[in-house]
Amino acid sequence: MRFLSPAFAMLLLTTPAHAQCGGDFSAFVTALKPEIRAEGLTARQVDGFLAGVTQDARVLRADRAQSFFRKDFIEFSRLLVSQNRMQAGAANLAKYRAIFDRAEAEYGVSRGVLTAFWGLETDFGAFQGDYNTRDALVTLAHDCRRPELFRPQILAAARLFARGDFDIAGVGAWAGEIGQVQMLPIDIERSGVDGDGDGHVNLRSSPADALLSGARMLQSLGWRAGEPWLQEIIVPEGLDWSKTGLETQLSTADWSERGVRAREGSLARGLKASVVLPMGRKGPAFIAYPNFSVLFEWNQSFAYVTTAAYYATRLLGAPAYQPGTPDPLLSLEDMKALQRALAARGHDVGKVDGILGAMTRTAVQKEQMRLGLPADAWPTLELLRKL
């Protein structure tokens, strides 16, 4: 589920790669050939890379379906962090101890984080997707919704193909992610590691290649060695809720003065951090350190990243979080109505899709502050009525 960051997406918009999309699919593929050839491939390699390419309607349906991310954090995390995944994670931590030792020594990335993404992305390699990767990338580049994101991935896949590290018959996720930790072709080019020493980077069949490549990618995205990422906390009832959320970072000493304390152990010293309330002030509470933000470069979903970060702490011995008694998630129609109301007041909530994403959370918090409500960024029926 490695999605391109907004900043990288804007960079790609300035390149020729976003040029053509739509129209006849065969004509689109033909127009790709000279562009791929310009990457240094021979005509024979280009023909081999594009041989039998087809438009995949399933990919387009998946691209437009986001119901999985409509779940609230408690429901989402309990679904993904199952007892089976806890047991499998522990077993794989022991089985691949030497690889994790190497990942931590060379790239500074915690084994808990790597194992969490490995488990959530593919159930430790058991299911890596069933979409033809090459076809998915070409289909999404042809589609005019986000061609600037996917056309460069085609070129990267072609370069990998030329060096023997991309199988045109290989399958993966609908958005073109490949292998046991689901990386896009550009990421494999930049961060791929031949962990097993066979001369190739194969994220599908080699746990060593997959885990070390994932670690190297996280390091390149700014992961800070030896630092935590997420920790469960106890928050006082009188906390200034407007200070919560990822947009506000205070020192852990400042948070301590405000009455925030770790549920177990103590807050990390000398770091800035944010108080994260996935379901508002009545639900689970965490403190997010700088490494937490790096994880959004892997996936843009708040619920997914928070779940992955939490799962990583559980694998390393943290207890299950305290769920509290949060207000229920708004219905799909109520959430859409809220997003429309927020947009009408000038807030950028992105697409009105009924999904509580980062932009909607920010807008909710601002309106809560304006209306004198507890500004914990969790939307309620009370807020919707007032808007």
Protein backbone atom coordinates (compact mmCIF):
# COMPACT_ATOMS: atom_id res chain seq x y z
CA MET A 1 0.00 0.00 0.00
CA ARG A 2 2.84 2.35 -0.69
CA PHE A 3 1.22 5.54 -1.95
CA LEU A 4 3.13 8.52 -3.28
CA SER A 5 3.29 11.50 -0.96
CA PRO A 6 1.54 14.72 -2.02
CA ALA A 7 4.90 16.50 -2.31
CA PHE A 8 6.28 13.85 -4.65
CA ALA A 9 3.07 13.90 -6.64
CA MET A 10 3.44 17.65 -7.19
CA LEU A 11 7.02 17.11 -8.33
CA LEU A 12 5.85 14.59 -10.90
CA LEU A 13 3.29 17.06 -12.19
CA THR A 14 6.13 19.24 -13.41
CA THR A 15 7.59 16.47 -15.58
CA PRO A 16 6.60 15.36 -19.08
CA ALA A 17 5.43 12.05 -17.61
CA HIS A 18 1.94 13.40 -16.92
CA ALA A 19 1.34 14.31 -20.54
CA GLN A 20 -1.13 11.96 -22.22
CA CYS A 21 -3.94 9.91 -20.77
CA GLY A 22 -7.27 8.51 -21.90
CA GLY A 23 -8.37 7.78 -25.44
CA ASP A 24 -7.90 4.49 -27.25
CA PHE A 25 -5.96 2.09 -25.02
CA SER A 26 -3.96 0.55 -27.88
CA ALA A 27 -2.94 3.99 -29.11
CA PHE A 28 -1.93 4.89 -25.56
CA VAL A 29 0.31 1.82 -25.33
CA THR A 30 1.87 2.60 -28.71
CA ALA A 31 2.64 6.14 -27.52
CA LEU A 32 4.40 4.68 -24.46
CA LYS A 33 6.97 2.83 -26.56
CA PRO A 34 9.28 5.71 -27.52
CA GLU A 35 9.09 7.05 -23.97
CA ILE A 36 10.19 3.70 -22.57
CA ARG A 37 12.83 3.36 -25.28
CA ALA A 38 14.26 6.70 -24.13
CA GLU A 39 14.95 5.05 -20.74
CA GLY A 40 17.70 3.03 -22.41
CA LEU A 41 15.79 -0.11 -23.35
CA THR A 42 16.22 -1.73 -26.74
CA ALA A 43 13.26 -2.02 -29.09
CA ARG A 44 13.15 -5.73 -28.31
CA GLN A 45 13.07 -5.06 -24.57
CA VAL A 46 10.28 -2.52 -24.98
CA ASP A 47 8.22 -4.97 -27.01
CA GLY A 48 8.88 -7.68 -24.43
CA PHE A 49 7.86 -5.42 -21.57
CA LEU A 50 4.58 -4.42 -23.23
CA ALA A 51 3.76 -7.80 -24.78
CA GLY A 52 0.14 -8.71 -24.11
CA VAL A 53 -0.60 -5.65 -21.97
CA THR A 54 -4.32 -5.23 -21.29
CA GLN A 55 -6.57 -2.74 -19.59
CA ASP A 56 -7.78 -4.12 -16.26
CA ALA A 57 -11.29 -3.00 -15.31
CA ARG A 58 -10.88 -4.56 -11.85
CA VAL A 59 -8.07 -2.11 -11.14
CA LEU A 60 -10.29 0.86 -11.92
CA ARG A 61 -13.04 -0.50 -9.68
CA ALA A 62 -10.56 -0.99 -6.84
CA ASP A 63 -9.18 2.51 -7.33
CA ARG A 64 -12.61 3.97 -6.72
CA ALA A 65 -13.63 1.73 -3.84
CA GLN A 66 -12.52 2.95 -0.40
CA SER A 67 -15.12 1.37 1.92
CA PHE A 68 -12.38 -0.44 3.87
CA PHE A 69 -11.19 2.91 5.23
CA ARG A 70 -14.67 3.87 6.46
CA LYS A 71 -14.15 1.88 9.65
CA ASP A 72 -13.25 3.69 12.88
CA PHE A 73 -9.87 3.08 14.50
CA ILE A 74 -11.09 0.59 17.08
CA GLU A 75 -12.92 -1.53 14.51
CA PHE A 76 -10.11 -1.18 11.97
CA SER A 77 -7.30 -2.04 14.38
CA ARG A 78 -9.11 -4.98 15.95
CA LEU A 79 -9.79 -6.38 12.50
CA LEU A 80 -6.18 -6.05 11.35
CA VAL A 81 -4.31 -6.76 14.59
CA SER A 82 -5.86 -10.17 15.17
CA GLN A 83 -4.62 -12.86 17.51
CA ASN A 84 -3.44 -14.83 14.48
CA ARG A 85 -1.37 -11.87 13.29
CA MET A 86 0.10 -11.44 16.75
CA GLN A 87 1.16 -15.08 16.84
CA ALA A 88 2.45 -15.08 13.27
CA GLY A 89 4.34 -11.86 13.92
CA ALA A 90 6.07 -13.32 16.96
CA ALA A 91 6.99 -16.46 15.02
CA ASN A 92 8.45 -14.47 12.13
CA LEU A 93 10.40 -12.19 14.45
CA ALA A 94 12.11 -15.29 15.80
CA LYS A 95 12.50 -17.05 12.42
CA TYR A 96 14.10 -14.07 10.68
CA ARG A 97 16.01 -12.67 13.64
CA ALA A 98 19.24 -12.39 11.64
CA ILE A 99 17.55 -10.31 8.91
CA PHE A 100 15.99 -8.00 11.48
CA ASP A 101 19.35 -7.65 13.23
CA ARG A 102 20.82 -6.55 9.91
CA ALA A 103 17.95 -4.13 9.19
CA GLU A 104 18.41 -2.45 12.54
CA ALA A 105 22.21 -2.35 12.27
CA GLU A 106 22.39 -1.04 8.69
CA TYR A 107 19.26 1.11 8.42
CA GLY A 108 18.20 1.81 12.00
CA VAL A 109 14.62 0.64 11.43
CA SER A 110 12.86 -1.25 14.21
CA ARG A 111 12.04 -4.91 13.65
CA GLY A 112 8.63 -4.23 15.12
CA VAL A 113 7.78 -1.70 12.42
CA LEU A 114 9.06 -3.90 9.60
CA THR A 115 7.15 -6.91 10.92
CA ALA A 116 3.97 -4.87 11.31
CA PHE A 117 3.98 -3.68 7.71
CA TRP A 118 4.96 -7.14 6.48
CA GLY A 119 2.01 -8.62 8.34
CA LEU A 120 -0.57 -6.00 7.40
CA GLU A 121 0.46 -5.70 3.78
CA THR A 122 0.62 -9.38 2.80
CA ASP A 123 0.19 -11.58 5.89
CA PHE A 124 3.95 -12.18 5.84
CA GLY A 125 4.04 -12.90 2.13
CA ALA A 126 1.07 -15.28 2.07
CA PHE A 127 -1.08 -13.02 -0.12
CA GLN A 128 0.67 -10.40 -2.23
CA GLY A 129 -2.24 -9.46 -4.49
CA ASP A 130 -3.82 -10.93 -7.60
CA TYR A 131 -3.58 -8.06 -10.08
CA ASN A 132 -1.05 -8.18 -12.90
CA THR A 133 1.36 -5.42 -11.87
CA ARG A 134 2.36 -4.26 -15.34
CA ASP A 135 -1.27 -4.13 -16.49
CA ALA A 136 -2.33 -2.29 -13.32
CA LEU A 137 0.29 0.42 -13.81
CA VAL A 138 -0.56 0.94 -17.48
CA THR A 139 -4.30 0.95 -16.70
CA LEU A 140 -3.90 3.60 -14.00
CA ALA A 141 -1.61 5.71 -16.18
CA HIS A 142 -4.16 5.56 -19.01
CA ASP A 143 -6.96 6.55 -16.63
CA CYS A 144 -7.06 10.35 -16.35
CA ARG A 145 -7.70 10.47 -12.60
CA ARG A 146 -4.04 10.26 -11.47
CA PRO A 147 -1.81 9.63 -14.51
CA GLU A 148 1.01 11.75 -13.08
CA LEU A 149 1.42 9.21 -10.28
CA PHE A 150 1.51 6.07 -12.37
CA ARG A 151 3.19 6.89 -15.68
CA PRO A 152 6.61 7.29 -13.96
CA GLN A 153 6.01 3.91 -12.31
CA ILE A 154 5.68 2.30 -15.75
CA LEU A 155 9.08 3.66 -16.72
CA ALA A 156 10.62 2.41 -13.49
CA ALA A 157 9.06 -1.03 -14.04
CA ALA A 158 10.50 -1.09 -17.56
CA ARG A 159 13.98 -0.27 -16.24
CA LEU A 160 13.65 -3.06 -13.67
CA PHE A 161 12.50 -5.39 -16.45
CA ALA A 162 15.60 -4.58 -18.49
CA ARG A 163 17.87 -5.64 -15.63
CA GLY A 164 15.90 -8.81 -14.89
CA ASP A 165 14.11 -7.62 -11.75
CA PHE A 166 10.54 -7.29 -13.05
CA ASP A 167 8.29 -10.13 -14.21
CA ILE A 168 5.59 -8.96 -16.63
CA ALA A 169 3.44 -11.90 -15.51
CA GLY A 170 3.91 -11.07 -11.84
CA VAL A 171 0.96 -10.10 -9.65
CA GLY A 172 0.59 -7.67 -6.80
CA ALA A 173 -1.76 -5.04 -5.40
CA TRP A 174 -4.20 -3.11 -7.58
CA ALA A 175 -2.11 0.08 -7.43
CA GLY A 176 1.06 -1.59 -8.68
CA GLU A 177 2.77 -2.39 -5.38
CA ILE A 178 4.99 -5.45 -5.51
CA GLY A 179 6.12 -8.11 -3.10
CA GLN A 180 5.94 -9.02 0.55
CA VAL A 181 6.09 -5.43 1.81
CA GLN A 182 4.33 -3.94 -1.25
CA MET A 183 6.70 -1.42 -2.82
CA LEU A 184 6.19 0.48 -6.05
CA PRO A 185 8.73 0.14 -8.89
CA ILE A 186 10.32 3.55 -8.23
CA ASP A 187 10.85 2.59 -4.59
CA ILE A 188 12.37 -0.74 -5.61
CA GLU A 189 14.75 1.07 -7.94
CA ARG A 190 15.81 3.52 -5.25
CA SER A 191 15.79 1.31 -2.17
CA GLY A 192 15.87 -2.28 -3.37
CA VAL A 193 18.39 -4.50 -1.55
CA ASP A 194 19.69 -7.88 -2.69
CA GLY A 195 19.44 -9.26 0.82
CA ASP A 196 20.00 -12.92 -0.03
CA GLY A 197 22.95 -12.29 -2.37
CA ASP A 198 21.52 -13.96 -5.48
CA GLY A 199 22.24 -10.98 -7.72
CA HIS A 200 18.61 -9.82 -7.99
CA VAL A 201 16.11 -7.85 -5.94
CA ASN A 202 13.08 -10.10 -5.62
CA LEU A 203 10.52 -8.77 -3.17
CA ARG A 204 8.02 -11.52 -3.99
CA SER A 205 9.95 -14.64 -2.98
CA SER A 206 12.80 -13.39 -0.78
CA PRO A 207 12.00 -12.22 2.77
CA ALA A 208 15.56 -10.90 3.06
CA ASP A 209 15.19 -8.74 -0.05
CA ALA A 210 11.74 -7.53 1.00
CA LEU A 211 12.53 -6.65 4.60
CA LEU A 212 15.87 -4.99 3.92
CA SER A 213 14.42 -3.05 1.01
CA GLY A 214 11.58 -1.85 3.23
CA ALA A 215 14.07 -0.82 5.90
CA ARG A 216 16.22 1.06 3.42
CA MET A 217 13.17 2.87 2.04
CA LEU A 218 12.05 3.96 5.50
CA GLN A 219 15.57 5.19 6.24
CA SER A 220 15.56 7.20 3.00
CA LEU A 221 12.22 8.74 3.99
CA GLY A 222 13.68 10.08 7.22
CA TRP A 223 13.38 7.30 9.79
CA ARG A 224 15.44 8.18 12.87
CA ALA A 225 17.38 5.25 14.31
CA GLY A 226 16.84 4.38 17.95
CA GLU A 227 13.77 6.56 18.39
CA PRO A 228 10.20 5.44 19.19
CA TRP A 229 7.23 6.09 16.93
CA LEU A 230 4.05 5.63 18.99
CA GLN A 231 3.23 5.13 22.65
CA GLU A 232 -0.06 4.81 24.48
CA ILE A 233 -0.74 7.60 26.96
CA ILE A 234 -3.16 8.70 29.64
CA VAL A 235 -4.54 12.19 29.06
CA PRO A 236 -6.09 14.43 31.73
CA GLU A 237 -9.72 15.47 31.35
CA GLY A 238 -8.75 19.14 31.37
CA LEU A 239 -6.25 18.94 28.52
CA ASP A 240 -6.42 21.70 25.92
CA TRP A 241 -7.83 19.51 23.14
CA SER A 242 -7.00 22.11 20.49
CA LYS A 243 -3.34 21.19 20.99
CA THR A 244 -3.97 17.58 19.97
CA GLY A 245 -3.44 16.26 16.46
CA LEU A 246 -0.43 15.90 14.19
CA GLU A 247 -0.31 19.60 13.35
CA THR A 248 0.86 20.45 16.89
CA GLN A 249 4.20 19.24 18.21
CA LEU A 250 5.36 19.99 21.73
CA SER A 251 8.29 18.67 23.72
CA THR A 252 7.59 15.63 25.84
CA ALA A 253 8.54 17.76 28.86
CA ASP A 254 5.78 20.21 27.88
CA TRP A 255 3.27 17.40 27.49
CA SER A 256 4.24 16.08 30.92
CA GLU A 257 3.61 19.51 32.44
CA ARG A 258 0.16 19.42 30.85
CA GLY A 259 -0.61 16.16 32.64
CA VAL A 260 0.06 13.70 29.82
CA ARG A 261 1.75 10.51 31.01
CA ALA A 262 2.73 7.20 29.48
CA ARG A 263 0.45 4.30 30.26
CA GLU A 264 3.59 2.18 30.73
CA GLY A 265 7.11 3.42 31.33
CA SER A 266 7.79 7.09 30.61
CA LEU A 267 7.65 9.49 27.69
CA ALA A 268 10.79 9.63 25.55
CA ARG A 269 13.00 12.49 26.67
CA GLY A 270 14.28 15.23 24.43
CA LEU A 271 11.81 14.69 21.58
CA LYS A 272 8.93 16.67 20.20
CA ALA A 273 5.69 14.78 19.81
CA SER A 274 1.99 15.07 19.06
CA VAL A 275 -0.95 13.77 21.05
CA VAL A 276 -3.06 11.62 18.72
CA LEU A 277 -6.68 10.80 19.53
CA PRO A 278 -7.91 8.49 16.74
CA MET A 279 -11.50 8.61 18.08
CA GLY A 280 -11.46 11.81 20.06
CA ARG A 281 -10.88 12.58 23.71
CA LYS A 282 -13.06 9.68 24.93
CA GLY A 283 -11.22 6.98 22.96
CA PRO A 284 -7.69 5.55 22.77
CA ALA A 285 -4.86 8.06 23.20
CA PHE A 286 -1.30 7.94 21.90
CA ILE A 287 1.74 10.16 21.69
CA ALA A 288 3.28 10.20 18.21
CA TYR A 289 6.99 10.85 17.83
CA PRO A 290 8.73 12.12 14.64
CA ASN A 291 9.12 8.60 13.24
CA PHE A 292 5.33 8.24 13.18
CA SER A 293 5.06 10.87 10.44
CA VAL A 294 7.53 8.93 8.28
CA LEU A 295 5.04 6.08 8.09
CA PHE A 296 2.64 8.28 6.14
CA GLU A 297 5.09 8.07 3.26
CA TRP A 298 4.26 4.36 3.15
CA ASN A 299 0.51 4.84 3.31
CA GLN A 300 -1.61 8.01 3.44
CA SER A 301 -4.46 6.55 5.53
CA PHE A 302 -4.53 7.81 9.13
CA ALA A 303 -6.35 4.71 10.38
CA TYR A 304 -3.95 2.37 8.58
CA VAL A 305 -0.77 4.11 9.73
CA THR A 306 -1.95 4.37 13.33
CA THR A 307 -2.92 0.70 13.29
CA ALA A 308 0.44 -0.34 11.81
CA ALA A 309 2.33 1.75 14.35
CA TYR A 310 0.26 0.32 17.19
CA TYR A 311 0.74 -3.24 15.91
CA ALA A 312 4.50 -2.66 15.89
CA THR A 313 4.44 -1.68 19.56
CA ARG A 314 2.34 -4.75 20.41
CA LEU A 315 4.85 -7.03 18.68
CA LEU A 316 7.54 -5.58 20.93
CA GLY A 317 5.58 -6.15 24.13
CA ALA A 318 3.16 -3.25 24.59
CA PRO A 319 -0.29 -4.14 25.93
CA ALA A 320 -3.53 -3.77 23.99
CA TYR A 321 -4.75 -0.18 24.13
CA GLN A 322 -7.53 1.02 26.39
CA PRO A 323 -10.52 1.66 24.08
CA GLY A 324 -12.40 4.07 26.31
CA THR A 325 -15.97 5.04 25.43
CA PRO A 326 -15.80 7.18 22.29
CA ASP A 327 -18.78 8.61 20.46
CA PRO A 328 -19.69 6.40 17.49
CA LEU A 329 -18.44 7.13 14.00
CA LEU A 330 -20.88 9.15 11.92
CA SER A 331 -22.80 7.25 9.27
CA LEU A 332 -21.63 7.50 5.69
CA GLU A 333 -24.32 10.00 4.77
CA ASP A 334 -23.78 12.08 7.90
CA MET A 335 -20.03 12.17 7.27
CA LYS A 336 -20.61 13.32 3.71
CA ALA A 337 -23.02 15.98 4.96
CA LEU A 338 -20.40 17.12 7.45
CA GLN A 339 -17.74 17.30 4.73
CA ARG A 340 -20.04 19.35 2.53
CA ALA A 341 -20.76 21.71 5.44
CA LEU A 342 -17.07 22.08 6.17
CA ALA A 343 -16.30 22.75 2.51
CA ALA A 344 -19.06 25.38 2.42
CA ARG A 345 -17.24 27.16 5.26
CA GLY A 346 -14.05 27.28 3.22
CA HIS A 347 -12.24 24.22 4.55
CA ASP A 348 -10.37 21.92 2.18
CA VAL A 349 -11.57 18.41 2.99
CA GLY A 350 -10.53 16.87 -0.33
CA LYS A 351 -13.09 14.59 -1.92
CA VAL A 352 -16.51 14.34 -0.24
CA ASP A 353 -16.31 10.58 0.26
CA GLY A 354 -17.49 9.96 3.81
CA ILE A 355 -13.97 9.00 4.92
CA LEU A 356 -12.49 10.73 7.96
CA GLY A 357 -9.09 11.62 6.53
CA ALA A 358 -6.45 14.05 7.77
CA MET A 359 -7.93 17.09 6.02
CA THR A 360 -11.40 16.43 7.39
CA ARG A 361 -9.99 15.97 10.89
CA THR A 362 -8.18 19.30 10.66
CA ALA A 363 -11.32 21.06 9.47
CA VAL A 364 -13.40 19.46 12.22
CA GLN A 365 -10.97 20.66 14.88
CA LYS A 366 -11.00 24.22 13.56
CA GLU A 367 -14.80 24.32 13.59
CA GLN A 368 -14.90 22.80 17.07
CA MET A 369 -12.62 25.61 18.24
CA ARG A 370 -14.79 28.24 16.57
CA LEU A 371 -17.97 26.83 18.11
CA GLY A 372 -16.53 26.36 21.59
CA LEU A 373 -16.73 22.58 21.48
CA PRO A 374 -13.99 20.24 22.78
CA ALA A 375 -11.55 20.49 19.85
CA ASP A 376 -10.45 16.86 19.65
CA ALA A 377 -10.96 16.52 15.85
CA TRP A 378 -13.57 13.78 16.29
CA PRO A 379 -16.80 14.57 14.40
CA THR A 380 -20.07 14.17 16.27
CA LEU A 381 -23.75 14.63 15.54
CA GLU A 382 -23.65 17.70 17.78
CA LEU A 383 -21.05 19.30 15.53
CA LEU A 384 -23.01 18.38 12.41
CA ARG A 385 -26.16 19.96 13.85
CA LYS A 386 -24.33 23.17 14.74
CA LEU A 387 -22.92 23.42 11.21
